[in-house]
Amino acid sequence: MSNKSVAEIHLNSTKHGLDAETRQSVVELLNARLADVIDLELQAKQAHWNVKGPNFIGLHELFDQVSASAATYKDEIAERAVMLGGVAVGTSQAVVERTTLPPYPVDAQDWKSHVECLSSALAKLGTALRQAIEDADELEDAVTVDLLTGIAHGVDKYLWFVESHRG
């Protein structure tokens, strides 16, 4: 199989009510956010594994919750793309190529660094999700709007939780 871009992957046949052009556009925006959510999942695990400091256990558990929620988000986004006749593109190569999140510094160990890095990733993802919600709304795909709105709510909640540790 070749290494095609999402736009080059043909939609699968479906009786879905959205027209093919709309479905293709929605699949592309879903795959863009899929890369970000997979990256967030891994960044939260990086923080979870490596955090140190006086509030270790609280952050260790919080970072694990962020990672677990991101895993749920990635499944919901990927499944929506496939429901629309598309292909969910979630390979490590695609994530590296497509993520819009800032790179996570692997040498971060103190809790303040992890709080700063993970809150930056959550904020960036929240902004990208709000844009995707607007784009899906313009494409008149209310179901994708609803899905992304729910995910954005969760991302905003975790941003609040993580930022609460900034002191």
C-alpha atoms as a PDB file:
ATOM      1  CA  MET A   1       0.000   0.000   0.000  1.00  0.00           C
ATOM      2  CA  SER A   2       1.295   3.438  -0.857  1.00  0.00           C
ATOM      3  CA  ASN A   3       1.753   6.359   1.512  1.00  0.00           C
ATOM      4  CA  LYS A   4      -1.178   8.503   0.317  1.00  0.00           C
ATOM      5  CA  SER A   5      -2.296  11.707   1.966  1.00  0.00           C
ATOM      6  CA  VAL A   6      -5.739  11.735   3.562  1.00  0.00           C
ATOM      7  CA  ALA A   7      -7.078  13.807   0.659  1.00  0.00           C
ATOM      8  CA  GLU A   8      -5.921  11.116  -1.790  1.00  0.00           C
ATOM      9  CA  ILE A   9      -7.684   8.275   0.042  1.00  0.00           C
ATOM     10  CA  HIS A  10     -11.007   7.537  -1.596  1.00  0.00           C
ATOM     11  CA  LEU A  11     -14.110   7.279   0.512  1.00  0.00           C
ATOM     12  CA  ASN A  12     -15.752   3.930   1.016  1.00  0.00           C
ATOM     13  CA  SER A  13     -19.281   3.506  -0.217  1.00  0.00           C
ATOM     14  CA  THR A  14     -21.949   4.300   2.364  1.00  0.00           C
ATOM     15  CA  LYS A  15     -25.607   5.238   2.465  1.00  0.00           C
ATOM     16  CA  HIS A  16     -24.731   8.088   4.825  1.00  0.00           C
ATOM     17  CA  GLY A  17     -26.819  11.200   4.165  1.00  0.00           C
ATOM     18  CA  LEU A  18     -23.924  13.657   3.761  1.00  0.00           C
ATOM     19  CA  ASP A  19     -22.642  14.063   0.215  1.00  0.00           C
ATOM     20  CA  ALA A  20     -19.221  12.670  -0.674  1.00  0.00           C
ATOM     21  CA  GLU A  21     -17.488  16.046  -0.913  1.00  0.00           C
ATOM     22  CA  THR A  22     -18.692  17.043   2.550  1.00  0.00           C
ATOM     23  CA  ARG A  23     -17.749  13.676   4.002  1.00  0.00           C
ATOM     24  CA  GLN A  24     -14.256  13.946   2.481  1.00  0.00           C
ATOM     25  CA  SER A  25     -13.766  17.388   4.030  1.00  0.00           C
ATOM     26  CA  VAL A  26     -14.995  16.224   7.427  1.00  0.00           C
ATOM     27  CA  VAL A  27     -12.751  13.150   7.324  1.00  0.00           C
ATOM     28  CA  GLU A  28      -9.765  15.402   6.630  1.00  0.00           C
ATOM     29  CA  LEU A  29     -10.539  17.668   9.580  1.00  0.00           C
ATOM     30  CA  LEU A  30     -11.143  14.641  11.833  1.00  0.00           C
ATOM     31  CA  ASN A  31      -7.812  13.105  10.865  1.00  0.00           C
ATOM     32  CA  ALA A  32      -6.039  16.394  11.608  1.00  0.00           C
ATOM     33  CA  ARG A  33      -7.454  16.394  15.137  1.00  0.00           C
ATOM     34  CA  LEU A  34      -6.812  12.659  15.474  1.00  0.00           C
ATOM     35  CA  ALA A  35      -3.083  13.309  15.120  1.00  0.00           C
ATOM     36  CA  ASP A  36      -3.244  15.960  17.841  1.00  0.00           C
ATOM     37  CA  VAL A  37      -5.233  13.766  20.230  1.00  0.00           C
ATOM     38  CA  ILE A  38      -2.836  10.836  19.788  1.00  0.00           C
ATOM     39  CA  ASP A  39       0.053  13.209  20.429  1.00  0.00           C
ATOM     40  CA  LEU A  40      -1.696  14.519  23.565  1.00  0.00           C
ATOM     41  CA  GLU A  41      -2.206  10.964  24.811  1.00  0.00           C
ATOM     42  CA  LEU A  42       1.509  10.257  24.476  1.00  0.00           C
ATOM     43  CA  GLN A  43       2.565  13.599  25.947  1.00  0.00           C
ATOM     44  CA  ALA A  44       0.365  13.019  29.002  1.00  0.00           C
ATOM     45  CA  LYS A  45       1.909   9.562  29.456  1.00  0.00           C
ATOM     46  CA  GLN A  46       5.386  11.087  29.171  1.00  0.00           C
ATOM     47  CA  ALA A  47       4.464  13.493  31.967  1.00  0.00           C
ATOM     48  CA  HIS A  48       2.804  10.726  34.004  1.00  0.00           C
ATOM     49  CA  TRP A  49       5.878   8.507  33.865  1.00  0.00           C
ATOM     50  CA  ASN A  50       8.430  11.203  34.621  1.00  0.00           C
ATOM     51  CA  VAL A  51       6.889  13.764  36.975  1.00  0.00           C
ATOM     52  CA  LYS A  52       8.729  14.410  40.227  1.00  0.00           C
ATOM     53  CA  GLY A  53       8.164  16.779  43.109  1.00  0.00           C
ATOM     54  CA  PRO A  54       6.203  17.374  46.283  1.00  0.00           C
ATOM     55  CA  ASN A  55       2.817  17.023  44.545  1.00  0.00           C
ATOM     56  CA  PHE A  56       3.879  13.916  42.626  1.00  0.00           C
ATOM     57  CA  ILE A  57       0.913  11.649  43.295  1.00  0.00           C
ATOM     58  CA  GLY A  58      -1.749  14.238  42.420  1.00  0.00           C
ATOM     59  CA  LEU A  59      -0.071  15.123  39.128  1.00  0.00           C
ATOM     60  CA  HIS A  60       0.866  11.509  38.378  1.00  0.00           C
ATOM     61  CA  GLU A  61      -2.812  10.545  38.635  1.00  0.00           C
ATOM     62  CA  LEU A  62      -4.050  13.651  36.791  1.00  0.00           C
ATOM     63  CA  PHE A  63      -1.675  13.098  33.869  1.00  0.00           C
ATOM     64  CA  ASP A  64      -2.880   9.495  33.657  1.00  0.00           C
ATOM     65  CA  GLN A  65      -6.487  10.742  33.491  1.00  0.00           C
ATOM     66  CA  VAL A  66      -5.572  13.122  30.666  1.00  0.00           C
ATOM     67  CA  SER A  67      -3.938  10.271  28.768  1.00  0.00           C
ATOM     68  CA  ALA A  68      -6.901   7.934  29.297  1.00  0.00           C
ATOM     69  CA  SER A  69      -9.353  10.608  28.160  1.00  0.00           C
ATOM     70  CA  ALA A  70      -7.251  11.313  25.072  1.00  0.00           C
ATOM     71  CA  ALA A  71      -7.370   7.583  24.279  1.00  0.00           C
ATOM     72  CA  THR A  72     -11.173   7.762  24.387  1.00  0.00           C
ATOM     73  CA  TYR A  73     -11.182  10.902  22.231  1.00  0.00           C
ATOM     74  CA  LYS A  74      -8.961   9.279  19.598  1.00  0.00           C
ATOM     75  CA  ASP A  75     -11.325   6.322  19.346  1.00  0.00           C
ATOM     76  CA  GLU A  76     -14.361   8.575  18.951  1.00  0.00           C
ATOM     77  CA  ILE A  77     -12.680  10.727  16.307  1.00  0.00           C
ATOM     78  CA  ALA A  78     -11.330   7.743  14.363  1.00  0.00           C
ATOM     79  CA  GLU A  79     -14.655   5.939  14.432  1.00  0.00           C
ATOM     80  CA  ARG A  80     -16.482   9.047  13.173  1.00  0.00           C
ATOM     81  CA  ALA A  81     -14.076   9.284  10.229  1.00  0.00           C
ATOM     82  CA  VAL A  82     -14.770   5.659   9.327  1.00  0.00           C
ATOM     83  CA  MET A  83     -18.548   6.104   9.791  1.00  0.00           C
ATOM     84  CA  LEU A  84     -18.366   8.743   7.070  1.00  0.00           C
ATOM     85  CA  GLY A  85     -16.709   6.266   4.703  1.00  0.00           C
ATOM     86  CA  GLY A  86     -13.204   7.551   5.359  1.00  0.00           C
ATOM     87  CA  VAL A  87     -10.043   6.033   6.713  1.00  0.00           C
ATOM     88  CA  ALA A  88      -8.791   6.894  10.192  1.00  0.00           C
ATOM     89  CA  VAL A  89      -5.110   7.745   9.818  1.00  0.00           C
ATOM     90  CA  GLY A  90      -3.467   7.170  13.187  1.00  0.00           C
ATOM     91  CA  THR A  91      -0.059   5.718  12.458  1.00  0.00           C
ATOM     92  CA  SER A  92       2.939   7.035  14.346  1.00  0.00           C
ATOM     93  CA  GLN A  93       4.306   8.411  11.065  1.00  0.00           C
ATOM     94  CA  ALA A  94       1.083  10.324  10.394  1.00  0.00           C
ATOM     95  CA  VAL A  95       1.016  11.709  13.932  1.00  0.00           C
ATOM     96  CA  VAL A  96       4.597  12.969  13.663  1.00  0.00           C
ATOM     97  CA  GLU A  97       3.828  14.557  10.304  1.00  0.00           C
ATOM     98  CA  ARG A  98       0.469  16.113  11.196  1.00  0.00           C
ATOM     99  CA  THR A  99       0.392  17.053  14.871  1.00  0.00           C
ATOM    100  CA  THR A 100       0.079  20.735  15.633  1.00  0.00           C
ATOM    101  CA  LEU A 101       0.987  20.345  19.308  1.00  0.00           C
ATOM    102  CA  PRO A 102       4.314  21.707  20.518  1.00  0.00           C
ATOM    103  CA  PRO A 103       6.998  19.013  20.891  1.00  0.00           C
ATOM    104  CA  TYR A 104       7.239  17.588  24.397  1.00  0.00           C
ATOM    105  CA  PRO A 105      10.715  17.923  25.930  1.00  0.00           C
ATOM    106  CA  VAL A 106      11.796  14.444  26.970  1.00  0.00           C
ATOM    107  CA  ASP A 107      14.212  15.881  29.523  1.00  0.00           C
ATOM    108  CA  ALA A 108      11.373  17.482  31.537  1.00  0.00           C
ATOM    109  CA  GLN A 109      11.261  15.956  35.020  1.00  0.00           C
ATOM    110  CA  ASP A 110      10.226  18.534  37.603  1.00  0.00           C
ATOM    111  CA  TRP A 111       6.516  19.006  38.117  1.00  0.00           C
ATOM    112  CA  LYS A 112       6.514  22.656  37.022  1.00  0.00           C
ATOM    113  CA  SER A 113       7.919  21.739  33.612  1.00  0.00           C
ATOM    114  CA  HIS A 114       5.319  19.032  33.107  1.00  0.00           C
ATOM    115  CA  VAL A 115       2.480  21.331  34.145  1.00  0.00           C
ATOM    116  CA  GLU A 116       3.702  23.997  31.718  1.00  0.00           C
ATOM    117  CA  CYS A 117       4.239  21.580  28.815  1.00  0.00           C
ATOM    118  CA  LEU A 118       0.992  19.680  29.217  1.00  0.00           C
ATOM    119  CA  SER A 119      -1.085  22.828  29.728  1.00  0.00           C
ATOM    120  CA  SER A 120       0.429  24.249  26.523  1.00  0.00           C
ATOM    121  CA  ALA A 121      -0.523  21.098  24.618  1.00  0.00           C
ATOM    122  CA  LEU A 122      -4.063  21.147  26.020  1.00  0.00           C
ATOM    123  CA  ALA A 123      -4.495  24.836  25.155  1.00  0.00           C
ATOM    124  CA  LYS A 124      -3.269  24.299  21.585  1.00  0.00           C
ATOM    125  CA  LEU A 125      -5.587  21.326  21.132  1.00  0.00           C
ATOM    126  CA  GLY A 126      -8.538  23.272  22.539  1.00  0.00           C
ATOM    127  CA  THR A 127      -7.958  26.044  20.011  1.00  0.00           C
ATOM    128  CA  ALA A 128      -7.661  23.543  17.149  1.00  0.00           C
ATOM    129  CA  LEU A 129     -10.850  21.789  18.258  1.00  0.00           C
ATOM    130  CA  ARG A 130     -12.804  25.046  18.332  1.00  0.00           C
ATOM    131  CA  GLN A 131     -11.684  25.744  14.758  1.00  0.00           C
ATOM    132  CA  ALA A 132     -12.666  22.218  13.716  1.00  0.00           C
ATOM    133  CA  ILE A 133     -16.089  22.756  15.319  1.00  0.00           C
ATOM    134  CA  GLU A 134     -16.561  25.915  13.234  1.00  0.00           C
ATOM    135  CA  ASP A 135     -15.406  24.094  10.097  1.00  0.00           C
ATOM    136  CA  ALA A 136     -17.730  21.124  10.712  1.00  0.00           C
ATOM    137  CA  ASP A 137     -20.594  23.548  11.345  1.00  0.00           C
ATOM    138  CA  GLU A 138     -19.930  25.272   8.010  1.00  0.00           C
ATOM    139  CA  LEU A 139     -20.029  21.820   6.399  1.00  0.00           C
ATOM    140  CA  GLU A 140     -23.405  21.260   8.098  1.00  0.00           C
ATOM    141  CA  ASP A 141     -22.299  18.115   9.923  1.00  0.00           C
ATOM    142  CA  ALA A 142     -24.077  18.531  13.259  1.00  0.00           C
ATOM    143  CA  VAL A 143     -22.984  15.120  14.520  1.00  0.00           C
ATOM    144  CA  THR A 144     -19.283  15.938  14.101  1.00  0.00           C
ATOM    145  CA  VAL A 145     -19.906  19.352  15.673  1.00  0.00           C
ATOM    146  CA  ASP A 146     -21.482  17.604  18.662  1.00  0.00           C
ATOM    147  CA  LEU A 147     -18.647  15.081  18.932  1.00  0.00           C
ATOM    148  CA  LEU A 148     -15.926  17.730  18.765  1.00  0.00           C
ATOM    149  CA  THR A 149     -17.792  19.998  21.189  1.00  0.00           C
ATOM    150  CA  GLY A 150     -17.855  17.214  23.771  1.00  0.00           C
ATOM    151  CA  ILE A 151     -14.157  16.570  23.288  1.00  0.00           C
ATOM    152  CA  ALA A 152     -13.381  20.296  23.517  1.00  0.00           C
ATOM    153  CA  HIS A 153     -15.269  20.431  26.800  1.00  0.00           C
ATOM    154  CA  GLY A 154     -13.112  17.618  28.182  1.00  0.00           C
ATOM    155  CA  VAL A 155      -9.906  19.241  26.931  1.00  0.00           C
ATOM    156  CA  ASP A 156     -10.894  22.570  28.500  1.00  0.00           C
ATOM    157  CA  LYS A 157     -11.670  20.792  31.782  1.00  0.00           C
ATOM    158  CA  TYR A 158      -8.240  19.128  31.845  1.00  0.00           C
ATOM    159  CA  LEU A 159      -6.565  22.414  30.948  1.00  0.00           C
ATOM    160  CA  TRP A 160      -8.249  23.919  34.001  1.00  0.00           C
ATOM    161  CA  PHE A 161      -7.153  20.978  36.189  1.00  0.00           C
ATOM    162  CA  VAL A 162      -3.536  21.104  34.993  1.00  0.00           C
ATOM    163  CA  GLU A 163      -3.282  24.885  35.145  1.00  0.00           C
ATOM    164  CA  SER A 164      -4.596  24.798  38.718  1.00  0.00           C
ATOM    165  CA  HIS A 165      -1.208  23.351  39.677  1.00  0.00           C
ATOM    166  CA  ARG A 166       0.692  26.372  38.366  1.00  0.00           C
ATOM    167  CA  GLY A 167       0.442  28.030  41.745  1.00  0.00           C
END
